[in-house]
């Protein structure tokens, strides 16, 4: 009887240091395999979010033009304006920042004879760039 109770006590005493090190090593190996794939998804998700936000801004800009007769001089006019025919606000909240925390670049008239230009400067907030820093231009 004494032997059984000593076995039960040992069994319930917890994990050994070696067992904990093995578990930590296995978790570290799993994270080294999974983490790069997850972080690459963050980048593509930010770009997708910027495109979706710019599509929403496009809808608001077009609705503004239908009501007022021209595109706004700046994106803040989608929230408030004193122009004749204005029937906004055309955005439910303030003008959003891009996923990297930078303001969207808006010009009216736009480049190449377009009525307006709308772009995100990407992660670096600078014109041009590649990969995550590449500009996203909505036309």
Protein backbone atom coordinates (compact mmCIF):
# COMPACT_ATOMS: atom_id res chain seq x y z
CA UNK A 1 0.00 0.00 0.00
CA UNK A 2 2.85 2.34 0.74
CA UNK A 3 4.28 1.85 -2.73
CA UNK A 4 0.99 2.75 -4.46
CA UNK A 5 0.58 5.98 -2.51
CA UNK A 6 4.16 7.00 -3.27
CA UNK A 7 3.54 6.32 -6.98
CA UNK A 8 0.36 8.39 -6.93
CA UNK A 9 2.14 11.24 -5.21
CA UNK A 10 4.93 11.18 -7.80
CA UNK A 11 2.45 11.01 -10.67
CA UNK A 12 0.58 14.11 -9.47
CA UNK A 13 3.71 16.10 -8.64
CA UNK A 14 3.81 18.00 -11.97
CA UNK A 15 6.08 18.24 -15.01
CA UNK A 16 9.82 17.82 -14.93
CA UNK A 17 12.17 20.44 -16.33
CA UNK A 18 13.06 18.15 -19.24
CA UNK A 19 9.39 17.70 -20.17
CA UNK A 20 8.84 21.47 -20.11
CA UNK A 21 11.93 22.08 -22.28
CA UNK A 22 10.70 19.53 -24.83
CA UNK A 23 7.27 21.20 -25.02
CA UNK A 24 8.83 24.66 -25.37
CA UNK A 25 11.12 23.41 -28.14
CA UNK A 26 8.20 21.86 -30.03
CA UNK A 27 6.17 25.06 -29.70
CA UNK A 28 9.12 27.10 -30.93
CA UNK A 29 9.51 24.89 -33.99
CA UNK A 30 5.80 25.15 -34.78
CA UNK A 31 5.89 28.93 -34.43
CA UNK A 32 8.90 29.17 -36.75
CA UNK A 33 6.87 27.36 -39.40
CA UNK A 34 3.55 29.16 -38.90
CA UNK A 35 4.62 32.74 -38.08
CA UNK A 36 6.10 33.67 -41.50
CA UNK A 37 2.91 32.61 -43.27
CA UNK A 38 0.76 34.56 -40.83
CA UNK A 39 2.85 37.74 -41.10
CA UNK A 40 2.75 37.60 -44.91
CA UNK A 41 -1.05 37.55 -44.67
CA UNK A 42 -1.00 40.76 -42.62
CA UNK A 43 0.65 42.58 -45.51
CA UNK A 44 -1.84 41.38 -48.13
CA UNK A 45 -4.72 42.14 -45.76
CA UNK A 46 -3.55 45.74 -45.35
CA UNK A 47 -3.39 46.20 -49.12
CA UNK A 48 -6.88 44.68 -49.51
CA UNK A 49 -8.18 46.99 -46.79
CA UNK A 50 -6.75 50.04 -48.59
CA UNK A 51 -8.42 48.99 -51.86
CA UNK A 52 -11.76 48.45 -50.10
CA UNK A 53 -11.56 51.84 -48.35
CA UNK A 54 -10.74 53.57 -51.63
CA UNK A 55 -13.75 51.90 -53.27
CA UNK A 56 -15.95 53.28 -50.49
CA UNK A 57 -14.41 56.72 -50.98
CA UNK A 58 -15.09 56.43 -54.72
CA UNK A 59 -18.77 55.76 -54.04
CA UNK A 60 -18.94 58.76 -51.71
CA UNK A 61 -17.14 60.98 -54.24
CA UNK A 62 -19.51 59.95 -57.04
CA UNK A 63 -22.57 60.59 -54.85
CA UNK A 64 -21.18 64.01 -53.92
CA UNK A 65 -20.67 64.82 -57.62
CA UNK A 66 -24.26 63.80 -58.42
CA UNK A 67 -25.60 66.13 -55.71
CA UNK A 68 -23.25 69.11 -56.09
CA UNK A 69 -22.29 68.87 -59.78
CA UNK A 70 -18.52 68.57 -59.28
CA UNK A 71 -16.05 66.60 -57.24
CA UNK A 72 -14.96 68.07 -53.89
CA UNK A 73 -11.74 70.00 -53.52
CA UNK A 74 -10.73 67.73 -50.62
CA UNK A 75 -11.99 64.60 -48.90
CA UNK A 76 -13.18 66.53 -45.82
CA UNK A 77 -15.98 68.02 -47.96
CA UNK A 78 -17.54 64.55 -47.93
CA UNK A 79 -18.30 65.12 -44.22
CA UNK A 80 -19.30 68.79 -44.31
CA UNK A 81 -19.61 71.49 -46.93
CA UNK A 82 -21.47 74.72 -47.61
CA UNK A 83 -21.73 74.07 -51.36
CA UNK A 84 -25.13 74.35 -52.96
CA UNK A 85 -26.79 70.94 -53.42
CA UNK A 86 -24.71 69.26 -50.72
CA UNK A 87 -26.84 66.51 -49.16
CA UNK A 88 -24.31 64.75 -46.95
CA UNK A 89 -22.52 63.66 -45.01
CA UNK A 90 -21.37 61.15 -47.60
CA UNK A 91 -19.22 59.21 -45.13
CA UNK A 92 -20.63 57.78 -41.87
CA UNK A 93 -17.42 58.64 -39.98
CA UNK A 94 -14.38 60.85 -40.47
CA UNK A 95 -12.28 60.28 -43.58
CA UNK A 96 -10.30 57.13 -42.80
CA UNK A 97 -6.54 56.87 -42.78
CA UNK A 98 -4.99 54.12 -44.87
CA UNK A 99 -4.09 50.88 -43.04
CA UNK A 100 -0.60 52.23 -42.31
CA UNK A 101 -1.94 55.37 -40.60
CA UNK A 102 -1.30 57.79 -43.49
CA UNK A 103 -3.92 60.03 -45.11
CA UNK A 104 -5.16 59.09 -48.58
CA UNK A 105 -3.85 61.37 -51.31
CA UNK A 106 -6.70 63.01 -53.24
CA UNK A 107 -6.54 65.51 -56.11
CA UNK A 108 -9.30 66.97 -58.23
CA UNK A 109 -8.84 67.22 -61.15
CA UNK A 110 -6.75 64.08 -61.31
CA UNK A 111 -3.79 62.94 -63.35
CA UNK A 112 -4.15 62.25 -67.07
CA UNK A 113 -7.45 64.07 -67.49
CA UNK A 114 -9.28 61.99 -64.90
CA UNK A 115 -11.83 63.81 -62.73
CA UNK A 116 -9.85 62.91 -59.59
CA UNK A 117 -6.92 60.84 -58.32
CA UNK A 118 -7.00 58.78 -55.15
CA UNK A 119 -4.00 56.90 -53.79
CA UNK A 120 -2.40 55.36 -50.75
CA UNK A 121 1.35 55.78 -50.51
CA UNK A 122 1.81 52.32 -48.98
CA UNK A 123 3.63 51.35 -45.83
CA UNK A 124 6.51 53.85 -46.15
CA UNK A 125 4.23 56.86 -46.81
CA UNK A 126 6.48 57.93 -49.72
CA UNK A 127 5.74 58.16 -53.44
CA UNK A 128 6.79 55.02 -55.32
CA UNK A 129 8.26 51.94 -53.73
CA UNK A 130 8.00 48.20 -54.10
CA UNK A 131 6.28 45.38 -52.21
CA UNK A 132 4.57 46.79 -49.07
CA UNK A 133 5.85 50.29 -49.90
CA UNK A 134 4.27 50.33 -53.36
CA UNK A 135 1.61 52.98 -53.95
CA UNK A 136 -1.97 51.84 -54.41
CA UNK A 137 -3.70 53.97 -57.05
CA UNK A 138 -7.47 53.87 -57.46
CA UNK A 139 -8.82 55.03 -60.80
